[in-house]
Amino acid sequence: MRKDTRPYWLKKAYLSFRRWYTDYFLRPECEYFGPHETVMKPWYVNISGPNIRIGHSFTAIGEPMHRVEIGVWGREEGAGRVEIGDCVLMSPGSRISASDEVTIGDGTMFANGAYVTDSDWHGIYDRTRRDERVTPVHIGRNVWLGDHATVLKGVTIGDNSVVAARAVVTRDVPANVVMAGNPAKVVKELDPEHGFTTRMDYFADPAGMERFFDEVDRQVLGGNSFWRWAWGVVYPRSKR
């Protein structure tokens, strides 16, 4: 990872713009969007549909070719919902698609490309309509969905469980296990007595954390020159 050559004031300006963009374009798309969010490259985050609620300290990381997407396409106008708890992480390319109901527990982490949906969206024989059965998805607290893991309709995942990379979850998952494969099966049991350090612990004092990182930026970037940074943008080889 290359050294950040931006001066402190320039990074502050960028972070202010990023927060303005989130407040102006993303927050109005939600029924509720909690404070202390960190939305990296929010112009690559799509939120659409009714009844979307997101808790505090939400983190989303958008990338040009790997957008973060949260969408509700209800069966009728105003129907369907997504509820995301506190301190949830959505990595590049992760998606949530709800026909009726998807809930995500506090501290859950979506790795790159993880996908959650409560519907097949088209019937096997009649591909112009979705199934009339309602099959909500409920994901517990402190769940970890691995790289390109997929959680399909009607699934409930218990607290602290891990879904391995590329796994496809088609049935309920108990708490405190690791699931892997297609279809996913339990491959390991976790010991809840061992204890878990979670994103809820990390964000126990979100305002204090923001002040801490601002002070770190002030100390690390305070001596950077605007012209040196600008020259590095124009002539990247100079960063060596």
C-alpha atoms as a PDB file:
ATOM      1  CA  MET A   1       0.000   0.000   0.000  1.00  0.00           C
ATOM      2  CA  ARG A   2       1.506   3.316  -1.089  1.00  0.00           C
ATOM      3  CA  LYS A   3       1.858   6.219   1.282  1.00  0.00           C
ATOM      4  CA  ASP A   4      -1.001   8.717   1.216  1.00  0.00           C
ATOM      5  CA  THR A   5       0.622  11.923  -0.032  1.00  0.00           C
ATOM      6  CA  ARG A   6      -2.470  14.107   0.277  1.00  0.00           C
ATOM      7  CA  PRO A   7      -2.258  17.039   2.674  1.00  0.00           C
ATOM      8  CA  TYR A   8      -4.555  16.784   5.678  1.00  0.00           C
ATOM      9  CA  TRP A   9      -6.923  19.538   4.514  1.00  0.00           C
ATOM     10  CA  LEU A  10      -7.380  17.866   1.126  1.00  0.00           C
ATOM     11  CA  LYS A  11      -8.372  14.542   2.660  1.00  0.00           C
ATOM     12  CA  LYS A  12     -10.770  16.371   4.983  1.00  0.00           C
ATOM     13  CA  ALA A  13     -12.333  18.060   1.958  1.00  0.00           C
ATOM     14  CA  TYR A  14     -12.687  14.710   0.178  1.00  0.00           C
ATOM     15  CA  LEU A  15     -14.305  13.073   3.228  1.00  0.00           C
ATOM     16  CA  SER A  16     -16.700  16.021   3.544  1.00  0.00           C
ATOM     17  CA  PHE A  17     -17.687  15.631  -0.105  1.00  0.00           C
ATOM     18  CA  ARG A  18     -18.140  11.903   0.355  1.00  0.00           C
ATOM     19  CA  ARG A  19     -20.448  12.459   3.321  1.00  0.00           C
ATOM     20  CA  TRP A  20     -22.381  15.152   1.441  1.00  0.00           C
ATOM     21  CA  TYR A  21     -22.897  12.746  -1.456  1.00  0.00           C
ATOM     22  CA  THR A  22     -24.133  10.033   0.915  1.00  0.00           C
ATOM     23  CA  ASP A  23     -26.513  12.429   2.652  1.00  0.00           C
ATOM     24  CA  TYR A  24     -27.814  13.939  -0.575  1.00  0.00           C
ATOM     25  CA  PHE A  25     -28.203  10.853  -2.773  1.00  0.00           C
ATOM     26  CA  LEU A  26     -28.306   7.725  -0.573  1.00  0.00           C
ATOM     27  CA  ARG A  27     -29.919   8.735   2.699  1.00  0.00           C
ATOM     28  CA  PRO A  28     -33.197   9.877   1.048  1.00  0.00           C
ATOM     29  CA  GLU A  29     -33.540   6.417  -0.525  1.00  0.00           C
ATOM     30  CA  CYS A  30     -33.884   4.888   2.958  1.00  0.00           C
ATOM     31  CA  GLU A  31     -36.754   4.921   5.417  1.00  0.00           C
ATOM     32  CA  TYR A  32     -33.990   5.191   8.019  1.00  0.00           C
ATOM     33  CA  PHE A  33     -30.211   5.462   7.652  1.00  0.00           C
ATOM     34  CA  GLY A  34     -28.328   5.631  10.939  1.00  0.00           C
ATOM     35  CA  PRO A  35     -25.444   7.948  11.840  1.00  0.00           C
ATOM     36  CA  HIS A  36     -21.675   7.357  11.742  1.00  0.00           C
ATOM     37  CA  GLU A  37     -21.777   5.623   8.370  1.00  0.00           C
ATOM     38  CA  THR A  38     -18.661   5.072   6.254  1.00  0.00           C
ATOM     39  CA  VAL A  39     -19.599   4.807   2.591  1.00  0.00           C
ATOM     40  CA  MET A  40     -16.463   4.598   0.473  1.00  0.00           C
ATOM     41  CA  LYS A  41     -17.018   5.804  -3.111  1.00  0.00           C
ATOM     42  CA  PRO A  42     -20.757   6.229  -2.500  1.00  0.00           C
ATOM     43  CA  TRP A  43     -21.300   6.969  -6.212  1.00  0.00           C
ATOM     44  CA  TYR A  44     -20.811   3.213  -6.685  1.00  0.00           C
ATOM     45  CA  VAL A  45     -23.481   2.276  -4.118  1.00  0.00           C
ATOM     46  CA  ASN A  46     -27.082   1.762  -5.293  1.00  0.00           C
ATOM     47  CA  ILE A  47     -30.061   1.819  -2.920  1.00  0.00           C
ATOM     48  CA  SER A  48     -33.550   1.489  -4.379  1.00  0.00           C
ATOM     49  CA  GLY A  49     -37.059   0.549  -3.328  1.00  0.00           C
ATOM     50  CA  PRO A  50     -39.272   1.163  -0.295  1.00  0.00           C
ATOM     51  CA  ASN A  51     -38.882   0.247   3.370  1.00  0.00           C
ATOM     52  CA  ILE A  52     -35.099   0.079   3.593  1.00  0.00           C
ATOM     53  CA  ARG A  53     -33.680   0.643   7.075  1.00  0.00           C
ATOM     54  CA  ILE A  54     -29.963   0.717   7.897  1.00  0.00           C
ATOM     55  CA  GLY A  55     -28.524   0.954  11.409  1.00  0.00           C
ATOM     56  CA  HIS A  56     -25.655   3.048  12.721  1.00  0.00           C
ATOM     57  CA  SER A  57     -21.980   2.605  11.762  1.00  0.00           C
ATOM     58  CA  PHE A  58     -22.837   1.024   8.416  1.00  0.00           C
ATOM     59  CA  THR A  59     -19.826   0.484   6.137  1.00  0.00           C
ATOM     60  CA  ALA A  60     -20.115   0.039   2.369  1.00  0.00           C
ATOM     61  CA  ILE A  61     -17.238  -0.088  -0.110  1.00  0.00           C
ATOM     62  CA  GLY A  62     -18.232   0.648  -3.690  1.00  0.00           C
ATOM     63  CA  GLU A  63     -15.984   0.104  -6.697  1.00  0.00           C
ATOM     64  CA  PRO A  64     -16.583   0.928 -10.382  1.00  0.00           C
ATOM     65  CA  MET A  65     -16.958  -2.680 -11.530  1.00  0.00           C
ATOM     66  CA  HIS A  66     -18.218  -4.002  -8.181  1.00  0.00           C
ATOM     67  CA  ARG A  67     -21.096  -1.868  -6.953  1.00  0.00           C
ATOM     68  CA  VAL A  68     -22.787  -2.403  -3.611  1.00  0.00           C
ATOM     69  CA  GLU A  69     -26.516  -2.844  -4.218  1.00  0.00           C
ATOM     70  CA  ILE A  70     -29.472  -2.890  -1.822  1.00  0.00           C
ATOM     71  CA  GLY A  71     -32.851  -3.226  -3.506  1.00  0.00           C
ATOM     72  CA  VAL A  72     -36.492  -3.961  -2.743  1.00  0.00           C
ATOM     73  CA  TRP A  73     -38.791  -5.034  -5.583  1.00  0.00           C
ATOM     74  CA  GLY A  74     -42.055  -5.795  -3.799  1.00  0.00           C
ATOM     75  CA  ARG A  75     -45.018  -7.638  -5.213  1.00  0.00           C
ATOM     76  CA  GLU A  76     -46.985  -4.403  -5.236  1.00  0.00           C
ATOM     77  CA  GLU A  77     -46.262  -0.720  -4.723  1.00  0.00           C
ATOM     78  CA  GLY A  78     -44.819  -0.029  -1.266  1.00  0.00           C
ATOM     79  CA  ALA A  79     -44.373  -3.719  -0.422  1.00  0.00           C
ATOM     80  CA  GLY A  80     -41.211  -5.569   0.623  1.00  0.00           C
ATOM     81  CA  ARG A  81     -38.516  -4.509   3.037  1.00  0.00           C
ATOM     82  CA  VAL A  82     -34.834  -4.736   3.918  1.00  0.00           C
ATOM     83  CA  GLU A  83     -33.677  -4.153   7.479  1.00  0.00           C
ATOM     84  CA  ILE A  84     -29.931  -3.947   8.120  1.00  0.00           C
ATOM     85  CA  GLY A  85     -28.708  -3.801  11.707  1.00  0.00           C
ATOM     86  CA  ASP A  86     -25.922  -1.775  13.286  1.00  0.00           C
ATOM     87  CA  CYS A  87     -22.241  -2.017  12.315  1.00  0.00           C
ATOM     88  CA  VAL A  88     -22.840  -4.063   9.150  1.00  0.00           C
ATOM     89  CA  LEU A  89     -20.127  -4.246   6.463  1.00  0.00           C
ATOM     90  CA  MET A  90     -20.866  -4.604   2.739  1.00  0.00           C
ATOM     91  CA  SER A  91     -17.733  -5.137   0.630  1.00  0.00           C
ATOM     92  CA  PRO A  92     -17.378  -4.429  -3.110  1.00  0.00           C
ATOM     93  CA  GLY A  93     -19.887  -6.278  -5.263  1.00  0.00           C
ATOM     94  CA  SER A  94     -22.097  -7.431  -2.383  1.00  0.00           C
ATOM     95  CA  ARG A  95     -25.855  -7.330  -2.966  1.00  0.00           C
ATOM     96  CA  ILE A  96     -29.172  -7.655  -1.146  1.00  0.00           C
ATOM     97  CA  SER A  97     -32.343  -8.211  -3.205  1.00  0.00           C
ATOM     98  CA  ALA A  98     -35.692  -8.429  -1.421  1.00  0.00           C
ATOM     99  CA  SER A  99     -39.088  -9.395  -2.777  1.00  0.00           C
ATOM    100  CA  ASP A 100     -40.745  -9.602   0.639  1.00  0.00           C
ATOM    101  CA  GLU A 101     -38.324  -9.464   3.576  1.00  0.00           C
ATOM    102  CA  VAL A 102     -34.599  -9.643   4.209  1.00  0.00           C
ATOM    103  CA  THR A 103     -33.180  -8.852   7.639  1.00  0.00           C
ATOM    104  CA  ILE A 104     -29.480  -8.611   8.482  1.00  0.00           C
ATOM    105  CA  GLY A 105     -28.306  -8.743  12.097  1.00  0.00           C
ATOM    106  CA  ASP A 106     -25.887  -6.416  13.856  1.00  0.00           C
ATOM    107  CA  GLY A 107     -22.218  -6.774  12.965  1.00  0.00           C
ATOM    108  CA  THR A 108     -22.723  -9.042   9.960  1.00  0.00           C
ATOM    109  CA  MET A 109     -20.011  -8.882   7.286  1.00  0.00           C
ATOM    110  CA  PHE A 110     -20.477  -9.328   3.551  1.00  0.00           C
ATOM    111  CA  ALA A 111     -17.240 -10.213   1.776  1.00  0.00           C
ATOM    112  CA  ASN A 112     -16.612  -9.337  -1.863  1.00  0.00           C
ATOM    113  CA  GLY A 113     -19.500 -10.396  -4.098  1.00  0.00           C
ATOM    114  CA  ALA A 114     -21.682 -11.945  -1.377  1.00  0.00           C
ATOM    115  CA  TYR A 115     -25.358 -12.095  -2.382  1.00  0.00           C
ATOM    116  CA  VAL A 116     -28.579 -12.456  -0.369  1.00  0.00           C
ATOM    117  CA  THR A 117     -32.043 -12.822  -1.900  1.00  0.00           C
ATOM    118  CA  ASP A 118     -35.441 -14.008  -0.687  1.00  0.00           C
ATOM    119  CA  SER A 119     -36.823 -14.944  -4.113  1.00  0.00           C
ATOM    120  CA  ASP A 120     -36.044 -16.839  -7.307  1.00  0.00           C
ATOM    121  CA  TRP A 121     -37.789 -13.934  -9.103  1.00  0.00           C
ATOM    122  CA  HIS A 122     -39.121 -16.230 -11.849  1.00  0.00           C
ATOM    123  CA  GLY A 123     -41.020 -19.511 -11.678  1.00  0.00           C
ATOM    124  CA  ILE A 124     -39.550 -22.632 -13.239  1.00  0.00           C
ATOM    125  CA  TYR A 125     -42.512 -23.144 -15.579  1.00  0.00           C
ATOM    126  CA  ASP A 126     -44.072 -19.671 -15.685  1.00  0.00           C
ATOM    127  CA  ARG A 127     -41.109 -17.375 -16.095  1.00  0.00           C
ATOM    128  CA  THR A 128     -43.222 -14.254 -16.287  1.00  0.00           C
ATOM    129  CA  ARG A 129     -44.194 -14.390 -12.573  1.00  0.00           C
ATOM    130  CA  ARG A 130     -42.493 -14.982  -9.254  1.00  0.00           C
ATOM    131  CA  ASP A 131     -43.605 -17.715  -6.864  1.00  0.00           C
ATOM    132  CA  GLU A 132     -46.599 -16.747  -4.726  1.00  0.00           C
ATOM    133  CA  ARG A 133     -44.980 -18.228  -1.605  1.00  0.00           C
ATOM    134  CA  VAL A 134     -43.329 -15.735   0.738  1.00  0.00           C
ATOM    135  CA  THR A 135     -39.847 -16.969   1.704  1.00  0.00           C
ATOM    136  CA  PRO A 136     -38.101 -14.358   3.863  1.00  0.00           C
ATOM    137  CA  VAL A 137     -34.400 -14.447   4.719  1.00  0.00           C
ATOM    138  CA  HIS A 138     -33.202 -13.720   8.251  1.00  0.00           C
ATOM    139  CA  ILE A 139     -29.469 -13.464   8.983  1.00  0.00           C
ATOM    140  CA  GLY A 140     -28.403 -13.268  12.621  1.00  0.00           C
ATOM    141  CA  ARG A 141     -25.841 -11.163  14.442  1.00  0.00           C
ATOM    142  CA  ASN A 142     -22.108 -11.337  13.717  1.00  0.00           C
ATOM    143  CA  VAL A 143     -22.513 -13.567  10.657  1.00  0.00           C
ATOM    144  CA  TRP A 144     -19.695 -13.656   8.088  1.00  0.00           C
ATOM    145  CA  LEU A 145     -20.629 -14.272   4.458  1.00  0.00           C
ATOM    146  CA  GLY A 146     -17.470 -15.212   2.561  1.00  0.00           C
ATOM    147  CA  ASP A 147     -16.277 -14.202  -0.884  1.00  0.00           C
ATOM    148  CA  HIS A 148     -19.123 -14.693  -3.409  1.00  0.00           C
ATOM    149  CA  ALA A 149     -21.216 -16.668  -0.924  1.00  0.00           C
ATOM    150  CA  THR A 150     -24.893 -16.872  -1.896  1.00  0.00           C
ATOM    151  CA  VAL A 151     -27.848 -17.064   0.507  1.00  0.00           C
ATOM    152  CA  LEU A 152     -31.092 -18.098  -1.180  1.00  0.00           C
ATOM    153  CA  LYS A 153     -34.789 -17.774  -0.352  1.00  0.00           C
ATOM    154  CA  GLY A 154     -36.316 -18.943   2.912  1.00  0.00           C
ATOM    155  CA  VAL A 155     -33.030 -19.258   4.799  1.00  0.00           C
ATOM    156  CA  THR A 156     -32.378 -18.322   8.421  1.00  0.00           C
ATOM    157  CA  ILE A 157     -28.742 -18.122   9.571  1.00  0.00           C
ATOM    158  CA  GLY A 158     -27.955 -18.233  13.285  1.00  0.00           C
ATOM    159  CA  ASP A 159     -25.683 -15.830  15.167  1.00  0.00           C
ATOM    160  CA  ASN A 160     -21.891 -15.982  14.687  1.00  0.00           C
ATOM    161  CA  SER A 161     -21.978 -18.475  11.833  1.00  0.00           C
ATOM    162  CA  VAL A 162     -19.627 -18.314   8.841  1.00  0.00           C
ATOM    163  CA  VAL A 163     -20.554 -19.074   5.240  1.00  0.00           C
ATOM    164  CA  ALA A 164     -17.416 -20.016   3.326  1.00  0.00           C
ATOM    165  CA  ALA A 165     -16.331 -18.560  -0.001  1.00  0.00           C
ATOM    166  CA  ARG A 166     -18.515 -19.593  -2.979  1.00  0.00           C
ATOM    167  CA  ALA A 167     -20.886 -21.538  -0.725  1.00  0.00           C
ATOM    168  CA  VAL A 168     -24.574 -21.633  -1.716  1.00  0.00           C
ATOM    169  CA  VAL A 169     -26.936 -21.716   1.270  1.00  0.00           C
ATOM    170  CA  THR A 170     -30.304 -23.312   0.508  1.00  0.00           C
ATOM    171  CA  ARG A 171     -31.470 -24.312   3.996  1.00  0.00           C
ATOM    172  CA  ASP A 172     -31.376 -22.969   7.545  1.00  0.00           C
ATOM    173  CA  VAL A 173     -28.011 -22.614   9.261  1.00  0.00           C
ATOM    174  CA  PRO A 174     -27.678 -23.047  13.040  1.00  0.00           C
ATOM    175  CA  ALA A 175     -25.737 -20.603  15.179  1.00  0.00           C
ATOM    176  CA  ASN A 176     -21.985 -20.988  15.714  1.00  0.00           C
ATOM    177  CA  VAL A 177     -21.053 -23.129  12.702  1.00  0.00           C
ATOM    178  CA  VAL A 178     -19.055 -22.881   9.482  1.00  0.00           C
ATOM    179  CA  MET A 179     -20.898 -23.801   6.279  1.00  0.00           C
ATOM    180  CA  ALA A 180     -19.207 -24.655   2.985  1.00  0.00           C
ATOM    181  CA  GLY A 181     -20.041 -26.186  -0.377  1.00  0.00           C
ATOM    182  CA  ASN A 182     -22.900 -26.186  -2.871  1.00  0.00           C
ATOM    183  CA  PRO A 183     -25.349 -26.874  -1.375  1.00  0.00           C
ATOM    184  CA  ALA A 184     -23.703 -25.676   1.838  1.00  0.00           C
ATOM    185  CA  LYS A 185     -23.245 -28.104   4.725  1.00  0.00           C
ATOM    186  CA  VAL A 186     -21.831 -27.751   8.227  1.00  0.00           C
ATOM    187  CA  VAL A 187     -18.085 -28.410   8.137  1.00  0.00           C
ATOM    188  CA  LYS A 188     -17.106 -27.059  11.546  1.00  0.00           C
ATOM    189  CA  GLU A 189     -18.685 -26.126  14.849  1.00  0.00           C
ATOM    190  CA  LEU A 190     -17.558 -22.996  16.683  1.00  0.00           C
ATOM    191  CA  ASP A 191     -17.219 -22.774  20.461  1.00  0.00           C
ATOM    192  CA  PRO A 192     -19.381 -19.893  21.727  1.00  0.00           C
ATOM    193  CA  GLU A 193     -17.650 -20.133  25.119  1.00  0.00           C
ATOM    194  CA  HIS A 194     -14.449 -18.957  23.418  1.00  0.00           C
ATOM    195  CA  GLY A 195     -16.093 -15.589  22.822  1.00  0.00           C
ATOM    196  CA  PHE A 196     -16.238 -13.402  19.721  1.00  0.00           C
ATOM    197  CA  THR A 197     -14.791  -9.967  19.071  1.00  0.00           C
ATOM    198  CA  THR A 198     -17.275  -8.285  16.759  1.00  0.00           C
ATOM    199  CA  ARG A 199     -17.853  -5.133  14.766  1.00  0.00           C
ATOM    200  CA  MET A 200     -20.222  -4.061  17.545  1.00  0.00           C
ATOM    201  CA  ASP A 201     -17.194  -4.008  19.870  1.00  0.00           C
ATOM    202  CA  TYR A 202     -15.149  -2.106  17.282  1.00  0.00           C
ATOM    203  CA  PHE A 203     -17.858   0.561  16.952  1.00  0.00           C
ATOM    204  CA  ALA A 204     -18.774   0.725  20.635  1.00  0.00           C
ATOM    205  CA  ASP A 205     -17.896   4.443  20.596  1.00  0.00           C
ATOM    206  CA  PRO A 206     -18.373   5.518  16.960  1.00  0.00           C
ATOM    207  CA  ALA A 207     -17.973   9.233  17.644  1.00  0.00           C
ATOM    208  CA  GLY A 208     -14.770   8.579  19.569  1.00  0.00           C
ATOM    209  CA  MET A 209     -13.474   6.420  16.720  1.00  0.00           C
ATOM    210  CA  GLU A 210     -14.094   9.233  14.226  1.00  0.00           C
ATOM    211  CA  ARG A 211     -12.148  11.647  16.422  1.00  0.00           C
ATOM    212  CA  PHE A 212      -9.307   9.122  16.769  1.00  0.00           C
ATOM    213  CA  PHE A 213      -8.893   8.613  13.015  1.00  0.00           C
ATOM    214  CA  ASP A 214      -9.147  12.336  12.379  1.00  0.00           C
ATOM    215  CA  GLU A 215      -6.263  12.897  14.775  1.00  0.00           C
ATOM    216  CA  VAL A 216      -4.259  10.125  13.102  1.00  0.00           C
ATOM    217  CA  ASP A 217      -4.811  11.793   9.719  1.00  0.00           C
ATOM    218  CA  ARG A 218      -3.804  15.141  11.172  1.00  0.00           C
ATOM    219  CA  GLN A 219      -0.509  13.727  12.437  1.00  0.00           C
ATOM    220  CA  VAL A 220       0.312  11.517   9.442  1.00  0.00           C
ATOM    221  CA  LEU A 221      -0.750  13.878   6.654  1.00  0.00           C
ATOM    222  CA  GLY A 222      -0.098  17.218   8.314  1.00  0.00           C
ATOM    223  CA  GLY A 223       3.334  17.673   6.723  1.00  0.00           C
ATOM    224  CA  ASN A 224       2.325  16.674   3.188  1.00  0.00           C
ATOM    225  CA  SER A 225       2.677  19.227   0.411  1.00  0.00           C
ATOM    226  CA  PHE A 226      -0.166  19.943  -2.005  1.00  0.00           C
ATOM    227  CA  TRP A 227       2.271  20.379  -4.892  1.00  0.00           C
ATOM    228  CA  ARG A 228       4.028  17.091  -4.197  1.00  0.00           C
ATOM    229  CA  TRP A 229       0.652  15.333  -4.185  1.00  0.00           C
ATOM    230  CA  ALA A 230      -0.420  17.108  -7.392  1.00  0.00           C
ATOM    231  CA  TRP A 231       2.845  16.140  -9.114  1.00  0.00           C
ATOM    232  CA  GLY A 232       2.243  12.514  -8.107  1.00  0.00           C
ATOM    233  CA  VAL A 233      -1.203  12.647  -9.759  1.00  0.00           C
ATOM    234  CA  VAL A 234       0.197  14.101 -12.990  1.00  0.00           C
ATOM    235  CA  TYR A 235       3.354  11.955 -12.993  1.00  0.00           C
ATOM    236  CA  PRO A 236       2.687   8.722 -11.016  1.00  0.00           C
ATOM    237  CA  ARG A 237       6.282   7.468 -11.375  1.00  0.00           C
ATOM    238  CA  SER A 238       7.346  10.255  -9.045  1.00  0.00           C
ATOM    239  CA  LYS A 239       5.690   8.372  -6.162  1.00  0.00           C
ATOM    240  CA  ARG A 240       8.609   5.937  -6.213  1.00  0.00           C
END
